[in-house]
Amino acid sequence: MSKARITVQEQSAVKRVEQENMIFDLLNPADLPPQMRLGVFDLLSIPPAPLIRNTQLSGQFYQLSKQICLPVGMRFGVDGLLRISPK
């Protein structure tokens, strides 16, 4: 029920596999792909969804810069919630 302005900027990325990669940004764990292994993390209970940060992840990543990695296959995870909700 809110608005946001989005600016798109094309980035080059390198796809790589890494074990125990630290991601310091905020992530919604429901948006992570199923093959991503979640290690230790800090949990922030922020409605409507809990967020994680300082997260140790293992799997495939896009390397955008020296400091920025994003998990491959992240997407808006609402469809996963719809499968488990009661009818």
PDB file of N, CA and C in Angstrom:
ATOM      1  N   MET A   1       0.816  -1.185   0.000  1.00  0.00           N
ATOM      2  CA  MET A   1       0.000   0.000   0.000  1.00  0.00           C
ATOM      3  C   MET A   1       0.865   1.257   0.000  1.00  0.00           C
ATOM      4  N   SER A   2       2.089   1.126  -0.497  1.00  0.00           N
ATOM      5  CA  SER A   2       2.956   2.297  -0.580  1.00  0.00           C
ATOM      6  C   SER A   2       3.588   2.345  -1.965  1.00  0.00           C
ATOM      7  N   LYS A   3       4.281   3.423  -2.218  1.00  0.00           N
ATOM      8  CA  LYS A   3       4.909   3.610  -3.516  1.00  0.00           C
ATOM      9  C   LYS A   3       6.416   3.696  -3.325  1.00  0.00           C
ATOM     10  N   ALA A   4       7.126   3.331  -4.377  1.00  0.00           N
ATOM     11  CA  ALA A   4       8.583   3.431  -4.354  1.00  0.00           C
ATOM     12  C   ALA A   4       9.061   3.811  -5.747  1.00  0.00           C
ATOM     13  N   ARG A   5      10.110   4.568  -5.807  1.00  0.00           N
ATOM     14  CA  ARG A   5      10.733   4.900  -7.089  1.00  0.00           C
ATOM     15  C   ARG A   5      11.907   3.943  -7.273  1.00  0.00           C
ATOM     16  N   ILE A   6      11.971   3.335  -8.436  1.00  0.00           N
ATOM     17  CA  ILE A   6      13.018   2.376  -8.740  1.00  0.00           C
ATOM     18  C   ILE A   6      13.837   2.894  -9.908  1.00  0.00           C
ATOM     19  N   THR A   7      15.125   2.894  -9.730  1.00  0.00           N
ATOM     20  CA  THR A   7      16.049   3.264 -10.803  1.00  0.00           C
ATOM     21  C   THR A   7      16.826   2.013 -11.183  1.00  0.00           C
ATOM     22  N   VAL A   8      16.840   1.692 -12.458  1.00  0.00           N
ATOM     23  CA  VAL A   8      17.512   0.500 -12.943  1.00  0.00           C
ATOM     24  C   VAL A   8      18.834   0.893 -13.577  1.00  0.00           C
ATOM     25  N   GLN A   9      19.892   0.170 -13.189  1.00  0.00           N
ATOM     26  CA  GLN A   9      21.211   0.408 -13.765  1.00  0.00           C
ATOM     27  C   GLN A   9      21.822  -0.952 -14.080  1.00  0.00           C
ATOM     28  N   GLU A  10      22.198  -1.155 -15.335  1.00  0.00           N
ATOM     29  CA  GLU A  10      22.770  -2.436 -15.748  1.00  0.00           C
ATOM     30  C   GLU A  10      24.126  -2.644 -15.080  1.00  0.00           C
ATOM     31  N   GLN A  11      24.338  -3.871 -14.580  1.00  0.00           N
ATOM     32  CA  GLN A  11      25.584  -4.238 -13.912  1.00  0.00           C
ATOM     33  C   GLN A  11      26.166  -5.480 -14.565  1.00  0.00           C
ATOM     34  N   SER A  12      27.465  -5.558 -14.639  1.00  0.00           N
ATOM     35  CA  SER A  12      28.074  -6.813 -15.054  1.00  0.00           C
ATOM     36  C   SER A  12      28.241  -7.675 -13.799  1.00  0.00           C
ATOM     37  N   ALA A  13      28.121  -8.977 -13.973  1.00  0.00           N
ATOM     38  CA  ALA A  13      28.211  -9.875 -12.831  1.00  0.00           C
ATOM     39  C   ALA A  13      28.923 -11.148 -13.239  1.00  0.00           C
ATOM     40  N   VAL A  14      29.596 -11.750 -12.274  1.00  0.00           N
ATOM     41  CA  VAL A  14      30.255 -13.031 -12.449  1.00  0.00           C
ATOM     42  C   VAL A  14      29.537 -14.027 -11.556  1.00  0.00           C
ATOM     43  N   LYS A  15      29.144 -15.167 -12.132  1.00  0.00           N
ATOM     44  CA  LYS A  15      28.454 -16.192 -11.360  1.00  0.00           C
ATOM     45  C   LYS A  15      29.497 -17.124 -10.759  1.00  0.00           C
ATOM     46  N   ARG A  16      29.392 -17.391  -9.460  1.00  0.00           N
ATOM     47  CA  ARG A  16      30.357 -18.272  -8.817  1.00  0.00           C
ATOM     48  C   ARG A  16      29.707 -19.056  -7.687  1.00  0.00           C
ATOM     49  N   VAL A  17      30.327 -20.137  -7.286  1.00  0.00           N
ATOM     50  CA  VAL A  17      29.857 -20.961  -6.169  1.00  0.00           C
ATOM     51  C   VAL A  17      30.799 -20.713  -5.002  1.00  0.00           C
ATOM     52  N   GLU A  18      30.220 -20.510  -3.840  1.00  0.00           N
ATOM     53  CA  GLU A  18      31.054 -20.237  -2.673  1.00  0.00           C
ATOM     54  C   GLU A  18      30.439 -20.881  -1.439  1.00  0.00           C
ATOM     55  N   GLN A  19      31.312 -21.362  -0.579  1.00  0.00           N
ATOM     56  CA  GLN A  19      30.894 -21.916   0.699  1.00  0.00           C
ATOM     57  C   GLN A  19      31.085 -20.857   1.779  1.00  0.00           C
ATOM     58  N   GLU A  20      30.093 -20.703   2.626  1.00  0.00           N
ATOM     59  CA  GLU A  20      30.149 -19.802   3.779  1.00  0.00           C
ATOM     60  C   GLU A  20      30.489 -18.361   3.387  1.00  0.00           C
ATOM     61  N   ASN A  21      29.752 -17.826   2.434  1.00  0.00           N
ATOM     62  CA  ASN A  21      29.887 -16.431   2.018  1.00  0.00           C
ATOM     63  C   ASN A  21      29.081 -15.557   2.974  1.00  0.00           C
ATOM     64  N   MET A  22      29.662 -14.462   3.442  1.00  0.00           N
ATOM     65  CA  MET A  22      28.956 -13.557   4.349  1.00  0.00           C
ATOM     66  C   MET A  22      28.256 -12.456   3.541  1.00  0.00           C
ATOM     67  N   ILE A  23      26.959 -12.292   3.780  1.00  0.00           N
ATOM     68  CA  ILE A  23      26.153 -11.216   3.195  1.00  0.00           C
ATOM     69  C   ILE A  23      25.726 -10.317   4.355  1.00  0.00           C
ATOM     70  N   PHE A  24      26.092  -9.055   4.303  1.00  0.00           N
ATOM     71  CA  PHE A  24      25.831  -8.145   5.416  1.00  0.00           C
ATOM     72  C   PHE A  24      24.543  -7.348   5.238  1.00  0.00           C
ATOM     73  N   ASP A  25      23.956  -7.369   4.030  1.00  0.00           N
ATOM     74  CA  ASP A  25      22.729  -6.621   3.766  1.00  0.00           C
ATOM     75  C   ASP A  25      21.517  -7.365   4.300  1.00  0.00           C
ATOM     76  N   LEU A  26      20.389  -6.659   4.365  1.00  0.00           N
ATOM     77  CA  LEU A  26      19.130  -7.270   4.810  1.00  0.00           C
ATOM     78  C   LEU A  26      18.550  -8.151   3.717  1.00  0.00           C
ATOM     79  N   LEU A  27      18.097  -9.344   4.087  1.00  0.00           N
ATOM     80  CA  LEU A  27      17.461 -10.288   3.174  1.00  0.00           C
ATOM     81  C   LEU A  27      16.196 -10.836   3.806  1.00  0.00           C
ATOM     82  N   ASN A  28      15.231 -11.173   2.968  1.00  0.00           N
ATOM     83  CA  ASN A  28      14.057 -11.904   3.428  1.00  0.00           C
ATOM     84  C   ASN A  28      14.345 -13.385   3.171  1.00  0.00           C
ATOM     85  N   PRO A  29      14.395 -14.225   4.201  1.00  0.00           N
ATOM     86  CA  PRO A  29      14.737 -15.632   3.975  1.00  0.00           C
ATOM     87  C   PRO A  29      13.754 -16.357   3.061  1.00  0.00           C
ATOM     88  N   ALA A  30      12.519 -15.875   2.965  1.00  0.00           N
ATOM     89  CA  ALA A  30      11.535 -16.492   2.061  1.00  0.00           C
ATOM     90  C   ALA A  30      11.891 -16.251   0.601  1.00  0.00           C
ATOM     91  N   ASP A  31      12.730 -15.260   0.315  1.00  0.00           N
ATOM     92  CA  ASP A  31      13.127 -14.943  -1.054  1.00  0.00           C
ATOM     93  C   ASP A  31      14.336 -15.743  -1.533  1.00  0.00           C
ATOM     94  N   LEU A  32      14.997 -16.458  -0.627  1.00  0.00           N
ATOM     95  CA  LEU A  32      16.179 -17.234  -0.997  1.00  0.00           C
ATOM     96  C   LEU A  32      15.776 -18.482  -1.774  1.00  0.00           C
ATOM     97  N   PRO A  33      16.594 -18.905  -2.749  1.00  0.00           N
ATOM     98  CA  PRO A  33      16.272 -20.120  -3.493  1.00  0.00           C
ATOM     99  C   PRO A  33      16.397 -21.347  -2.590  1.00  0.00           C
ATOM    100  N   PRO A  34      15.652 -22.426  -2.882  1.00  0.00           N
ATOM    101  CA  PRO A  34      15.655 -23.600  -2.007  1.00  0.00           C
ATOM    102  C   PRO A  34      17.023 -24.280  -1.888  1.00  0.00           C
ATOM    103  N   GLN A  35      17.885 -24.178  -2.909  1.00  0.00           N
ATOM    104  CA  GLN A  35      19.183 -24.839  -2.856  1.00  0.00           C
ATOM    105  C   GLN A  35      20.226 -24.044  -2.062  1.00  0.00           C
ATOM    106  N   MET A  36      19.907 -22.829  -1.640  1.00  0.00           N
ATOM    107  CA  MET A  36      20.836 -22.003  -0.866  1.00  0.00           C
ATOM    108  C   MET A  36      20.869 -22.512   0.575  1.00  0.00           C
ATOM    109  N   ARG A  37      22.065 -22.777   1.087  1.00  0.00           N
ATOM    110  CA  ARG A  37      22.208 -23.232   2.471  1.00  0.00           C
ATOM    111  C   ARG A  37      22.415 -22.035   3.373  1.00  0.00           C
ATOM    112  N   LEU A  38      21.572 -21.918   4.373  1.00  0.00           N
ATOM    113  CA  LEU A  38      21.600 -20.799   5.319  1.00  0.00           C
ATOM    114  C   LEU A  38      22.358 -21.233   6.564  1.00  0.00           C
ATOM    115  N   GLY A  39      23.395 -20.467   6.924  1.00  0.00           N
ATOM    116  CA  GLY A  39      24.172 -20.749   8.122  1.00  0.00           C
ATOM    117  C   GLY A  39      23.740 -19.831   9.255  1.00  0.00           C
ATOM    118  N   VAL A  40      24.687 -19.233   9.924  1.00  0.00           N
ATOM    119  CA  VAL A  40      24.378 -18.315  11.024  1.00  0.00           C
ATOM    120  C   VAL A  40      23.901 -16.978  10.462  1.00  0.00           C
ATOM    121  N   PHE A  41      23.086 -16.260  11.258  1.00  0.00           N
ATOM    122  CA  PHE A  41      22.546 -14.971  10.828  1.00  0.00           C
ATOM    123  C   PHE A  41      21.991 -14.236  12.030  1.00  0.00           C
ATOM    124  N   ASP A  42      21.778 -12.935  11.868  1.00  0.00           N
ATOM    125  CA  ASP A  42      21.060 -12.117  12.850  1.00  0.00           C
ATOM    126  C   ASP A  42      19.632 -11.988  12.361  1.00  0.00           C
ATOM    127  N   LEU A  43      18.670 -12.246  13.238  1.00  0.00           N
ATOM    128  CA  LEU A  43      17.256 -12.172  12.884  1.00  0.00           C
ATOM    129  C   LEU A  43      16.670 -10.866  13.388  1.00  0.00           C
ATOM    130  N   LEU A  44      16.007 -10.145  12.489  1.00  0.00           N
ATOM    131  CA  LEU A  44      15.306  -8.908  12.843  1.00  0.00           C
ATOM    132  C   LEU A  44      13.813  -9.160  12.653  1.00  0.00           C
ATOM    133  N   SER A  45      13.069  -9.111  13.719  1.00  0.00           N
ATOM    134  CA  SER A  45      11.630  -9.355  13.642  1.00  0.00           C
ATOM    135  C   SER A  45      10.929  -8.053  13.291  1.00  0.00           C
ATOM    136  N   ILE A  46      10.760  -7.813  11.989  1.00  0.00           N
ATOM    137  CA  ILE A  46      10.160  -6.581  11.485  1.00  0.00           C
ATOM    138  C   ILE A  46       8.910  -6.964  10.704  1.00  0.00           C
ATOM    139  N   PRO A  47       7.717  -6.654  11.223  1.00  0.00           N
ATOM    140  CA  PRO A  47       6.497  -6.996  10.476  1.00  0.00           C
ATOM    141  C   PRO A  47       6.476  -6.282   9.133  1.00  0.00           C
ATOM    142  N   PRO A  48       5.969  -6.878   8.093  1.00  0.00           N
ATOM    143  CA  PRO A  48       5.197  -8.119   8.061  1.00  0.00           C
ATOM    144  C   PRO A  48       6.047  -9.376   7.896  1.00  0.00           C
ATOM    145  N   ALA A  49       7.372  -9.256   7.692  1.00  0.00           N
ATOM    146  CA  ALA A  49       8.198 -10.446   7.488  1.00  0.00           C
ATOM    147  C   ALA A  49       9.502 -10.293   8.264  1.00  0.00           C
ATOM    148  N   PRO A  50       9.995 -11.374   8.858  1.00  0.00           N
ATOM    149  CA  PRO A  50      11.306 -11.292   9.516  1.00  0.00           C
ATOM    150  C   PRO A  50      12.396 -11.124   8.463  1.00  0.00           C
ATOM    151  N   LEU A  51      13.428 -10.379   8.812  1.00  0.00           N
ATOM    152  CA  LEU A  51      14.560 -10.165   7.917  1.00  0.00           C
ATOM    153  C   LEU A  51      15.819 -10.708   8.577  1.00  0.00           C
ATOM    154  N   ILE A  52      16.799 -11.076   7.757  1.00  0.00           N
ATOM    155  CA  ILE A  52      18.072 -11.542   8.282  1.00  0.00           C
ATOM    156  C   ILE A  52      19.187 -10.658   7.747  1.00  0.00           C
ATOM    157  N   ARG A  53      20.265 -10.541   8.518  1.00  0.00           N
ATOM    158  CA  ARG A  53      21.452  -9.800   8.080  1.00  0.00           C
ATOM    159  C   ARG A  53      22.679 -10.480   8.685  1.00  0.00           C
ATOM    160  N   ASN A  54      23.866 -10.056   8.252  1.00  0.00           N
ATOM    161  CA  ASN A  54      25.105 -10.708   8.683  1.00  0.00           C
ATOM    162  C   ASN A  54      24.955 -12.217   8.524  1.00  0.00           C
ATOM    163  N   THR A  55      24.576 -12.612   7.314  1.00  0.00           N
ATOM    164  CA  THR A  55      24.158 -13.981   7.019  1.00  0.00           C
ATOM    165  C   THR A  55      25.273 -14.771   6.358  1.00  0.00           C
ATOM    166  N   GLN A  56      25.449 -15.989   6.827  1.00  0.00           N
ATOM    167  CA  GLN A  56      26.401 -16.909   6.220  1.00  0.00           C
ATOM    168  C   GLN A  56      25.630 -17.831   5.286  1.00  0.00           C
ATOM    169  N   LEU A  57      25.898 -17.726   3.980  1.00  0.00           N
ATOM    170  CA  LEU A  57      25.199 -18.515   2.970  1.00  0.00           C
ATOM    171  C   LEU A  57      26.188 -19.338   2.160  1.00  0.00           C
ATOM    172  N   SER A  58      25.745 -20.505   1.715  1.00  0.00           N
ATOM    173  CA  SER A  58      26.534 -21.344   0.823  1.00  0.00           C
ATOM    174  C   SER A  58      25.698 -21.659  -0.400  1.00  0.00           C
ATOM    175  N   GLY A  59      26.282 -21.466  -1.582  1.00  0.00           N
ATOM    176  CA  GLY A  59      25.574 -21.735  -2.830  1.00  0.00           C
ATOM    177  C   GLY A  59      26.139 -20.905  -3.961  1.00  0.00           C
ATOM    178  N   GLN A  60      25.300 -20.623  -4.963  1.00  0.00           N
ATOM    179  CA  GLN A  60      25.719 -19.832  -6.111  1.00  0.00           C
ATOM    180  C   GLN A  60      25.400 -18.356  -5.883  1.00  0.00           C
ATOM    181  N   PHE A  61      26.330 -17.501  -6.299  1.00  0.00           N
ATOM    182  CA  PHE A  61      26.193 -16.058  -6.114  1.00  0.00           C
ATOM    183  C   PHE A  61      26.557 -15.322  -7.393  1.00  0.00           C
ATOM    184  N   TYR A  62      25.978 -14.135  -7.547  1.00  0.00           N
ATOM    185  CA  TYR A  62      26.428 -13.181  -8.550  1.00  0.00           C
ATOM    186  C   TYR A  62      27.373 -12.224  -7.832  1.00  0.00           C
ATOM    187  N   GLN A  63      28.597 -12.108  -8.310  1.00  0.00           N
ATOM    188  CA  GLN A  63      29.563 -11.164  -7.760  1.00  0.00           C
ATOM    189  C   GLN A  63      29.427  -9.872  -8.538  1.00  0.00           C
ATOM    190  N   LEU A  64      28.870  -8.831  -7.924  1.00  0.00           N
ATOM    191  CA  LEU A  64      28.646  -7.554  -8.600  1.00  0.00           C
ATOM    192  C   LEU A  64      29.829  -6.606  -8.443  1.00  0.00           C
ATOM    193  N   SER A  65      30.490  -6.671  -7.300  1.00  0.00           N
ATOM    194  CA  SER A  65      31.687  -5.881  -7.039  1.00  0.00           C
ATOM    195  C   SER A  65      32.482  -6.626  -5.975  1.00  0.00           C
ATOM    196  N   LYS A  66      33.575  -6.028  -5.518  1.00  0.00           N
ATOM    197  CA  LYS A  66      34.360  -6.695  -4.469  1.00  0.00           C
ATOM    198  C   LYS A  66      33.540  -6.922  -3.199  1.00  0.00           C
ATOM    199  N   GLN A  67      32.663  -5.982  -2.885  1.00  0.00           N
ATOM    200  CA  GLN A  67      31.907  -6.042  -1.641  1.00  0.00           C
ATOM    201  C   GLN A  67      30.494  -6.591  -1.800  1.00  0.00           C
ATOM    202  N   ILE A  68      29.952  -6.645  -3.002  1.00  0.00           N
ATOM    203  CA  ILE A  68      28.533  -6.968  -3.175  1.00  0.00           C
ATOM    204  C   ILE A  68      28.349  -8.301  -3.892  1.00  0.00           C
ATOM    205  N   CYS A  69      27.682  -9.237  -3.210  1.00  0.00           N
ATOM    206  CA  CYS A  69      27.282 -10.530  -3.779  1.00  0.00           C
ATOM    207  C   CYS A  69      25.782 -10.688  -3.565  1.00  0.00           C
ATOM    208  N   LEU A  70      25.117 -11.275  -4.544  1.00  0.00           N
ATOM    209  CA  LEU A  70      23.700 -11.594  -4.416  1.00  0.00           C
ATOM    210  C   LEU A  70      23.497 -13.073  -4.712  1.00  0.00           C
ATOM    211  N   PRO A  71      22.654 -13.753  -3.936  1.00  0.00           N
ATOM    212  CA  PRO A  71      22.373 -15.161  -4.228  1.00  0.00           C
ATOM    213  C   PRO A  71      21.688 -15.314  -5.585  1.00  0.00           C
ATOM    214  N   VAL A  72      22.125 -16.315  -6.353  1.00  0.00           N
ATOM    215  CA  VAL A  72      21.500 -16.628  -7.635  1.00  0.00           C
ATOM    216  C   VAL A  72      20.138 -17.248  -7.354  1.00  0.00           C
ATOM    217  N   GLY A  73      19.108 -16.794  -8.070  1.00  0.00           N
ATOM    218  CA  GLY A  73      17.776 -17.376  -7.930  1.00  0.00           C
ATOM    219  C   GLY A  73      16.890 -16.718  -6.889  1.00  0.00           C
ATOM    220  N   MET A  74      17.321 -15.589  -6.310  1.00  0.00           N
ATOM    221  CA  MET A  74      16.444 -14.885  -5.365  1.00  0.00           C
ATOM    222  C   MET A  74      15.232 -14.361  -6.105  1.00  0.00           C
ATOM    223  N   ARG A  75      14.073 -14.419  -5.454  1.00  0.00           N
ATOM    224  CA  ARG A  75      12.858 -13.867  -6.042  1.00  0.00           C
ATOM    225  C   ARG A  75      11.852 -13.630  -4.946  1.00  0.00           C
ATOM    226  N   PHE A  76      10.818 -12.903  -5.285  1.00  0.00           N
ATOM    227  CA  PHE A  76       9.761 -12.586  -4.334  1.00  0.00           C
ATOM    228  C   PHE A  76       9.094 -13.890  -3.916  1.00  0.00           C
ATOM    229  N   GLY A  77       9.197 -14.258  -2.646  1.00  0.00           N
ATOM    230  CA  GLY A  77       8.819 -15.587  -2.184  1.00  0.00           C
ATOM    231  C   GLY A  77       7.383 -15.802  -1.773  1.00  0.00           C
ATOM    232  N   VAL A  78       6.454 -14.974  -2.200  1.00  0.00           N
ATOM    233  CA  VAL A  78       5.061 -15.124  -1.776  1.00  0.00           C
ATOM    234  C   VAL A  78       4.439 -16.420  -2.298  1.00  0.00           C
ATOM    235  N   ASP A  79       4.797 -16.858  -3.503  1.00  0.00           N
ATOM    236  CA  ASP A  79       4.183 -18.077  -4.034  1.00  0.00           C
ATOM    237  C   ASP A  79       4.486 -19.281  -3.153  1.00  0.00           C
ATOM    238  N   GLY A  80       5.637 -19.323  -2.498  1.00  0.00           N
ATOM    239  CA  GLY A  80       5.947 -20.394  -1.556  1.00  0.00           C
ATOM    240  C   GLY A  80       5.027 -20.364  -0.345  1.00  0.00           C
ATOM    241  N   LEU A  81       4.671 -19.172   0.101  1.00  0.00           N
ATOM    242  CA  LEU A  81       3.748 -19.057   1.223  1.00  0.00           C
ATOM    243  C   LEU A  81       2.351 -19.500   0.841  1.00  0.00           C
ATOM    244  N   LEU A  82       1.953 -19.253  -0.399  1.00  0.00           N
ATOM    245  CA  LEU A  82       0.613 -19.644  -0.860  1.00  0.00           C
ATOM    246  C   LEU A  82       0.458 -21.163  -0.867  1.00  0.00           C
ATOM    247  N   ARG A  83       1.558 -21.894  -1.139  1.00  0.00           N
ATOM    248  CA  ARG A  83       1.475 -23.362  -1.168  1.00  0.00           C
ATOM    249  C   ARG A  83       1.231 -23.947   0.213  1.00  0.00           C
ATOM    250  N   ILE A  84       1.700 -23.277   1.279  1.00  0.00           N
ATOM    251  CA  ILE A  84       1.558 -23.845   2.607  1.00  0.00           C
ATOM    252  C   ILE A  84       0.382 -23.266   3.379  1.00  0.00           C
ATOM    253  N   SER A  85      -0.292 -22.267   2.860  1.00  0.00           N
ATOM    254  CA  SER A  85      -1.409 -21.658   3.583  1.00  0.00           C
ATOM    255  C   SER A  85      -2.640 -22.548   3.496  1.00  0.00           C
ATOM    256  N   PRO A  86      -3.464 -22.556   4.556  1.00  0.00           N
ATOM    257  CA  PRO A  86      -4.683 -23.379   4.541  1.00  0.00           C
ATOM    258  C   PRO A  86      -5.682 -22.876   3.514  1.00  0.00           C
ATOM    259  N   LYS A  87      -6.468 -23.797   2.972  1.00  0.00           N
ATOM    260  CA  LYS A  87      -7.466 -23.416   1.961  1.00  0.00           C
ATOM    261  C   LYS A  87      -8.800 -23.134   2.573  1.00  0.00           C
TER     262      LYS A  87
END
